[in-house]
């Protein structure tokens, strides 16, 4: 392989490494010593943390009053079973999410994923002030007007909470659930009390999302909070040891928080009714994000949609609110390719149940697609190798005259009908596809926990065969098997292309690239390594079976 092609490989590896630069590979470990061991037995039985906002991230500068322990004893739990999830709502705070288990997504120990962060009160939480600006305590146990605990829902059902705020005056929070949707409608009725409260009312989600992945540091690197206003997406990522709040005035389409594979979004039914939106986060000691809306409490009823579920592209896109903007499919010119790759893999999976087999077939399809490019690359490389002795002679002849050497070299290429960039340019054309594959394999939920064969139990994570007692820079603290096969196949492919005409500089570059690939691919998803390994094997077969001699057409420069 000539040095131009090797340089192209280096560019591919470098950009692949830098593309997900926002994914922080290391995150501070959670501090497990923050739990108060002096709580009395009564408070140890609390089924939900008191609804008290962190004073560093309060969206309105308002903290809720800590509930009376007796109100905790009055807590009522409601279980909602749908085709997609099993959730437990608490009467504390008027319907707060205590557990939210997804039926189609599992942890490494085969337990259903629970999106509820049990370390914090969640939401949706209502915050009110009286007309004098005093905080109103809404953190106790609300009454349940309708209770839908029971079998799996077959039609939409209503769960309604009420709280007597003033004698004979109630606020009502209503949830509407649907059997095959992650979306839950939330209605807030303040008609009875609107003349006795301050105009600005807030609805918030203050507890973040739970980490769901075995590699919690990788999962936390995706934790963010978002706000979408006027077609523009703003995001918040807090640094370790910091807390931050961002405020946005005016109509707001939605706010959201996410982890690597899951999302919680609050979507106002009428964006123009929102007076302001706030996203906030804290990373001391643990990383947690939240969001809130301030709306006009003088309206009789205000409604939102709570979406709590997986980041499945088609499902998110079908909401028609641009919520898919939180999903990173790469740079603008890469996104259509990434989405096309994801669409193809999902459609193939409808007929082929194993994603590993899907990737094998996909490798063949991609090889057929890029065959003209790779064939041209090999032919150009072979042509350059054949004129290499003459190039070396010119270097000896004009070693003291670089300008003359360049002129003579280009003239030789022209006479021989050789394009010196022919081996590199086809590889550069394939880079968008390589970037797209990296993004899809690395970040989309479709490959999460999808097994292939034997030890490859998750195509979205490295195929570890054993852990190391130490960490090697770039390489990591484990050994994966597929990267070893990938590097071996890459080395064989390069040796076949360079042959015996390889220069010392080229040989050094080849060894460097092999070592570099070995280091960085150890932490890449096994699906990506499987694809690259198969693609290399097919390339080796192509080089063995097809002639590499190009047509000698003069002027092909």
Foldseek 3Di string as FASTA:
>chain_A
DDVLQLVLLVVLLVCLVCQVVLQDLFADDDDPPPDDPPDDPLVVPQLAAFQFFDCLADPVNDTADGDDSVLSVVKDWAWAAAPFWIWIFIQFQHTWTSWIFTPPDAAPVRHTFTFDDRVHTWDQHKWWAWPVRHTQHSGGGWDWPDGDHDDYDPAKDKTKTWDCRDVVFIKMWMWIDGRPALKIKIKIFRQRCLVTTDFKMKTKTRFATDQRYPSSSSQLSLWWKWWADPNDIDIDDDDAPDKDKDKAAAFTQKIWTDTQWWIKIKGWPGRRQFGMKMKIWHVVPHTGIMIMTIGGSNDRMTMIMIRTTTVAPVSCVVVVSPPVVSQDQGDPVLNVLLVVVVVQLVVVCVVVVASLVSLLVVLVVVCVVLVVLQLQLLLLLVLCLVCVVVLVVLCVVVVVPVVVSVVVVVVVCQVQVHDNCSNNVSSNVCSSNLSSVQSNLARYCPQAQRAHDDQRRGQNWASFPAFAPDADPLQGGTAGDLLVLLLVLVLVLVCLSCPPSDDPVRVVSSVVSSVSSSRNCNGGGNSSSSSSNSNSVVSVVCSVPDDSHDDRDRPND
